[in-house]
Every structure is written in C-alpha cells, then in structure tokens.
Amino acid sequence: MYRKEVNERSPLRVFERSIHGGLGRGNLGVIISRAGIGKTAFLVDIALDDLMRDRKVLHVAINDSVEQVRRFYDEVFVELAKITGLEEVDEVRLSVERNRHIHSYKDVSFSVDRLVAVARFLKEHAEFAIDALMIDNFPFASATEKEIASIKELAGELDCEVWLTALSRRDMEKGAGGYPDPVAPFDALLSVKIYLESRTGAIRLRLLKDHENENLADLMLDLDPTTLLVKDRQEAS
C-alpha cells in the first residue's frame, strides 16, 4: 500500500466529505476526550496525514519533551506502516522528518504569546511556512477568550489549520450531544469539535460542531484503537 492509500483511511478524508471540506485554513478544530482515550494519537494521525502530503507541520507539546513527542510519532508511524502494509517506508519517514518541527514547553512556562512568537520566527527566519499547527494538551481550563482569539488570528496570519486537544471530565457541564464540553466558552472561535470515546475494540468518533452548520452531519466513525485510522468494513464486522 502506498502513502496515498494510507491517507485515504485517515478520518480526515471523511471530514472532507462530511464537514464541508474539512477544517480549512484559518480555522481552529478541537479534539476532546477523557484521559487515555487517544486524543494525542489522533492529533499525530492528523499531522502524519499532512506530513505524508508534504505539508509543513508545527507540533507544540505542552507537557511532553521533544524526545517524547518524536518517539510517539515513531511508534504511531511504525504501527501505521505495519497495519496498512505501507510501501516506500524510508521515503515516507524522511518526508515526515523533513516537514515536521516539534516545539516543547515541558520545562518552560507556556503562553500564547510565546507560541505566536515561535510560529512567526519559523516562518520569517527558518523558511518554515506552517500548513498545520498541532497544539497538544492546551490548557483550556485556564484559557481566556483573548488567548483563543490570538490563536485564531495566528491561523489567519499564517494561512494554516490549527488543531488542539482538550481534556474532558465527567463532572464538566455537558454540551452538544450530551458530552462533557471543556471548550464551550470558546465555541464562537472554534470551527470543528470532535469527541472521542472508547468502545469495545474501537474508538468512537463523534462530530459535535461543523463550522456554522446547525444541522450536523450524522458522522460517527469507528477507529482502530492502535492507529486511530478508520476501520474498514471487514475490521468493523
């Protein structure tokens, strides 16, 4: 299987068909789940989908080191290659490394201002024009509307997509579809919201927000719990 066929099993292909062309440049998307469900793996899958199409990705880790993130990418990539029978593995791996930049705040205090400065520096001084910005474990609980607005402004300035992950808990106020919603205060600034939950033998993906469309697409996918790729019909049966 070649990289194009692997990309076709990405949940993003379903998004492009079901949520009016996907996230889109200049927009913010959020992946929500409880701890340990797979939101980081899903974020890495989104990044790999971009990287395998030779798009530039900046991965921002709030709690993990660069080495930890790189190792996580390697583990997901190896599983993806094994399960899909990916050919041209060495070529694809080089493409991933060439097009990805990892920035960690594990040992440094995170702030949106610092994030904006890093992204601008990469574009202006490192010739790294970001197509997709991944922000893992963004601190929504302490975030302000001004900070989220600044990230959205950055998405427009860089003409890139921004994906963030958010941690949900049972005691949180429930939002669309009856799911705990840690990002509800910022809905006006978010274009797409996805909820991941554990099911027997799969991770269930539900679409909670689709841009400004009030009638949500009836999108519910079962993902492979290891690779977070869409399960094919044979696997799902």
Protein backbone atom coordinates (compact mmCIF):
# COMPACT_ATOMS: atom_id res chain seq x y z
CA MET A 1 0.00 0.00 0.00
CA TYR A 2 1.29 3.43 -0.93
CA ARG A 3 1.01 6.61 1.07
CA LYS A 4 -1.99 7.82 -0.96
CA GLU A 5 -3.95 4.73 0.03
CA VAL A 6 -2.94 5.14 3.68
CA ASN A 7 -4.15 8.75 3.55
CA GLU A 8 -7.49 7.54 2.24
CA ARG A 9 -8.06 5.70 5.55
CA SER A 10 -7.48 8.86 7.56
CA PRO A 11 -10.62 10.18 9.29
CA LEU A 12 -9.79 13.49 7.61
CA ARG A 13 -10.92 12.12 4.26
CA VAL A 14 -14.34 11.50 5.79
CA PHE A 15 -14.30 15.02 7.24
CA GLU A 16 -13.63 16.49 3.82
CA ARG A 17 -16.73 14.76 2.52
CA SER A 18 -18.92 15.27 5.57
CA ILE A 19 -17.98 18.62 7.12
CA HIS A 20 -17.91 20.87 4.09
CA GLY A 21 -14.32 20.41 3.02
CA GLY A 22 -12.66 19.67 6.35
CA LEU A 23 -11.34 22.17 8.88
CA GLY A 24 -9.93 24.69 6.41
CA ARG A 25 -7.11 27.19 6.66
CA GLY A 26 -7.55 29.95 9.21
CA ASN A 27 -9.79 27.79 11.38
CA LEU A 28 -9.48 26.09 14.77
CA GLY A 29 -10.51 22.49 15.44
CA VAL A 30 -10.58 20.74 18.81
CA ILE A 31 -10.27 17.05 19.67
CA ILE A 32 -11.95 16.28 23.00
CA SER A 33 -11.72 13.12 25.07
CA ARG A 34 -11.16 11.82 28.55
CA ALA A 35 -7.62 10.89 29.62
CA GLY A 36 -6.12 7.85 27.92
CA ILE A 37 -8.64 7.56 25.08
CA GLY A 38 -6.32 8.61 22.26
CA LYS A 39 -6.60 12.32 21.54
CA THR A 40 -2.81 12.69 21.22
CA ALA A 41 -2.63 9.69 18.87
CA PHE A 42 -5.46 11.20 16.83
CA LEU A 43 -3.62 14.53 16.70
CA VAL A 44 -0.49 12.72 15.49
CA ASP A 45 -2.58 10.93 12.84
CA ILE A 46 -3.82 14.30 11.57
CA ALA A 47 -0.22 15.54 11.50
CA LEU A 48 1.01 12.44 9.68
CA ASP A 49 -1.75 12.83 7.11
CA ASP A 50 -0.42 16.33 6.38
CA LEU A 51 3.24 15.32 6.52
CA MET A 52 2.72 12.44 4.10
CA ARG A 53 1.32 15.00 1.65
CA ASP A 54 4.47 17.13 2.03
CA ARG A 55 2.76 19.80 4.12
CA LYS A 56 4.64 21.60 6.90
CA VAL A 57 3.52 20.82 10.46
CA LEU A 58 4.44 22.53 13.72
CA HIS A 59 3.66 20.26 16.68
CA VAL A 60 3.52 22.10 20.01
CA ALA A 61 3.73 19.90 23.12
CA ILE A 62 2.64 21.50 26.38
CA ASN A 63 3.53 18.61 28.72
CA ASP A 64 5.94 16.38 26.77
CA SER A 65 9.56 16.78 25.70
CA VAL A 66 10.67 16.88 22.06
CA GLU A 67 12.15 13.40 22.50
CA GLN A 68 8.87 12.03 23.87
CA VAL A 69 6.88 13.51 21.00
CA ARG A 70 9.33 12.26 18.39
CA ARG A 71 9.17 8.78 19.94
CA PHE A 72 5.38 8.89 19.88
CA TYR A 73 5.39 9.83 16.20
CA ASP A 74 7.78 6.95 15.50
CA GLU A 75 5.56 4.47 17.35
CA VAL A 76 2.40 5.59 15.56
CA PHE A 77 4.18 5.61 12.20
CA VAL A 78 5.57 2.09 12.68
CA GLU A 79 2.13 0.74 13.61
CA LEU A 80 0.53 2.58 10.71
CA ALA A 81 3.09 1.19 8.27
CA LYS A 82 2.70 -2.35 9.62
CA ILE A 83 -1.08 -2.46 9.69
CA THR A 84 -1.57 -0.83 6.28
CA GLY A 85 1.33 -2.62 4.57
CA LEU A 86 2.84 0.75 3.67
CA GLU A 87 5.49 0.56 0.99
CA GLU A 88 8.17 3.24 0.38
CA VAL A 89 8.58 3.38 4.20
CA ASP A 90 12.01 5.01 4.20
CA GLU A 91 10.94 7.67 1.73
CA VAL A 92 7.82 8.50 3.73
CA ARG A 93 9.76 8.62 7.02
CA LEU A 94 12.21 11.11 5.51
CA SER A 95 9.31 13.24 4.29
CA VAL A 96 7.83 13.23 7.78
CA GLU A 97 11.10 14.32 9.38
CA ARG A 98 11.75 16.99 6.78
CA ASN A 99 8.34 18.61 7.04
CA ARG A 100 7.83 18.47 10.84
CA HIS A 101 9.01 20.79 13.60
CA ILE A 102 8.40 19.92 17.27
CA HIS A 103 8.41 22.61 19.96
CA SER A 104 8.10 21.66 23.64
CA TYR A 105 7.06 23.64 26.70
CA LYS A 106 7.64 20.81 29.16
CA ASP A 107 10.38 22.70 31.03
CA VAL A 108 9.27 26.21 30.09
CA SER A 109 6.11 28.08 31.03
CA PHE A 110 3.63 28.03 28.15
CA SER A 111 1.92 31.17 26.92
CA VAL A 112 0.04 32.01 23.75
CA ASP A 113 2.36 34.97 23.19
CA ARG A 114 5.37 32.65 23.20
CA LEU A 115 3.61 30.29 20.80
CA VAL A 116 2.86 33.12 18.40
CA ALA A 117 6.49 34.27 18.55
CA VAL A 118 7.78 30.76 17.75
CA ALA A 119 5.44 30.34 14.77
CA ARG A 120 6.38 33.73 13.35
CA PHE A 121 10.10 33.03 13.83
CA LEU A 122 9.85 29.74 11.92
CA LYS A 123 8.11 31.43 9.04
CA GLU A 124 10.30 34.53 8.86
CA HIS A 125 13.74 33.18 9.74
CA ALA A 126 13.68 29.41 9.21
CA GLU A 127 11.71 29.36 5.93
CA PHE A 128 9.21 27.01 7.54
CA ALA A 129 5.78 28.02 6.25
CA ILE A 130 3.35 26.22 8.54
CA ASP A 131 0.40 24.47 6.91
CA ALA A 132 -0.91 22.86 10.08
CA LEU A 133 -0.34 23.72 13.73
CA MET A 134 -0.95 20.99 16.32
CA ILE A 135 -1.25 22.02 19.98
CA ASP A 136 -1.43 19.08 22.38
CA ASN A 137 -2.90 19.43 25.88
CA PHE A 138 -3.83 23.08 25.51
CA PRO A 139 -4.83 24.45 28.96
CA PHE A 140 -8.44 25.32 28.15
CA ALA A 141 -9.39 25.31 31.85
CA SER A 142 -7.32 28.45 32.46
CA ALA A 143 -7.52 29.98 29.00
CA THR A 144 -9.14 33.29 28.18
CA GLU A 145 -11.19 34.29 25.15
CA LYS A 146 -8.43 36.72 24.22
CA GLU A 147 -5.89 33.88 24.08
CA ILE A 148 -8.08 31.71 21.85
CA ALA A 149 -8.76 34.74 19.65
CA SER A 150 -4.99 35.27 19.34
CA ILE A 151 -4.54 31.69 18.14
CA LYS A 152 -7.30 32.15 15.59
CA GLU A 153 -5.65 35.37 14.41
CA LEU A 154 -2.38 33.45 14.07
CA ALA A 155 -4.16 30.80 11.96
CA GLY A 156 -5.33 33.55 9.62
CA GLU A 157 -1.95 35.26 9.55
CA LEU A 158 -0.13 32.02 8.70
CA ASP A 159 -2.95 30.70 6.49
CA CYS A 160 -2.84 27.40 8.33
CA GLU A 161 -5.17 24.98 10.09
CA VAL A 162 -4.92 24.71 13.87
CA TRP A 163 -5.86 21.57 15.82
CA LEU A 164 -5.89 21.48 19.61
CA THR A 165 -6.61 18.72 22.11
CA ALA A 166 -8.79 19.22 25.18
CA LEU A 167 -9.29 17.03 28.24
CA SER A 168 -12.85 16.30 29.33
CA ARG A 169 -14.07 15.03 32.70
CA ARG A 170 -17.36 13.53 33.81
CA ASP A 171 -18.07 16.43 36.17
CA MET A 172 -17.94 19.03 33.37
CA GLU A 173 -21.04 20.71 32.01
CA LYS A 174 -22.43 18.77 29.05
CA GLY A 175 -22.67 20.35 25.64
CA ALA A 176 -23.80 19.18 22.19
CA GLY A 177 -24.85 15.56 22.13
CA GLY A 178 -24.72 15.29 25.92
CA TYR A 179 -20.93 15.07 26.14
CA PRO A 180 -18.70 16.89 28.66
CA ASP A 181 -17.52 20.04 26.90
CA PRO A 182 -14.38 21.78 28.23
CA VAL A 183 -14.28 24.28 25.35
CA ALA A 184 -17.88 25.53 25.36
CA PRO A 185 -16.92 29.11 26.39
CA PHE A 186 -14.93 29.45 23.16
CA ASP A 187 -17.45 28.00 20.70
CA ALA A 188 -17.69 31.21 18.69
CA LEU A 189 -13.98 30.94 17.83
CA LEU A 190 -13.98 27.21 17.01
CA SER A 191 -14.96 25.75 13.66
CA VAL A 192 -14.89 21.99 14.32
CA LYS A 193 -15.26 19.95 17.50
CA ILE A 194 -14.69 16.20 17.67
CA TYR A 195 -15.34 13.88 20.61
CA LEU A 196 -13.52 10.55 21.05
CA GLU A 197 -14.86 7.82 23.33
CA SER A 198 -13.88 4.24 23.99
CA ARG A 199 -15.95 1.39 22.57
CA THR A 200 -15.30 -2.36 22.57
CA GLY A 201 -12.46 -2.91 20.09
CA ALA A 202 -12.62 0.62 18.72
CA ILE A 203 -12.51 4.34 19.39
CA ARG A 204 -15.79 6.02 18.50
CA LEU A 205 -15.54 9.44 16.86
CA ARG A 206 -18.47 11.83 17.02
CA LEU A 207 -18.78 15.23 15.36
CA LEU A 208 -20.02 17.89 17.82
CA LYS A 209 -19.57 21.03 15.70
CA ASP A 210 -19.31 21.56 11.96
CA HIS A 211 -18.44 25.19 11.27
CA GLU A 212 -21.65 27.27 11.41
CA ASN A 213 -23.96 24.49 10.25
CA GLU A 214 -26.79 23.92 12.70
CA ASN A 215 -27.73 20.57 11.20
CA LEU A 216 -24.72 18.43 11.96
CA ALA A 217 -23.76 15.69 9.57
CA ASP A 218 -24.64 12.34 11.11
CA LEU A 219 -20.95 11.49 11.37
CA MET A 220 -19.97 8.63 13.63
CA LEU A 221 -16.83 6.62 12.87
CA ASP A 222 -15.15 3.66 14.49
CA LEU A 223 -11.37 3.98 14.52
CA ASP A 224 -8.71 1.36 15.01
CA PRO A 225 -7.61 1.71 18.68
CA THR A 226 -3.92 1.35 17.73
CA THR A 227 -3.56 3.57 14.66
CA LEU A 228 -6.72 5.72 15.00
CA LEU A 229 -7.34 5.09 11.28
CA VAL A 230 -10.85 4.40 10.03
CA LYS A 231 -11.69 0.72 10.44
CA ASP A 232 -12.57 -0.89 7.14
CA ARG A 233 -15.75 -2.88 6.69
CA GLN A 234 -14.08 -6.21 7.29
CA GLU A 235 -12.50 -4.99 10.53
CA ALA A 236 -15.74 -3.41 11.71
CA SER A 237 -17.82 -6.54 11.15
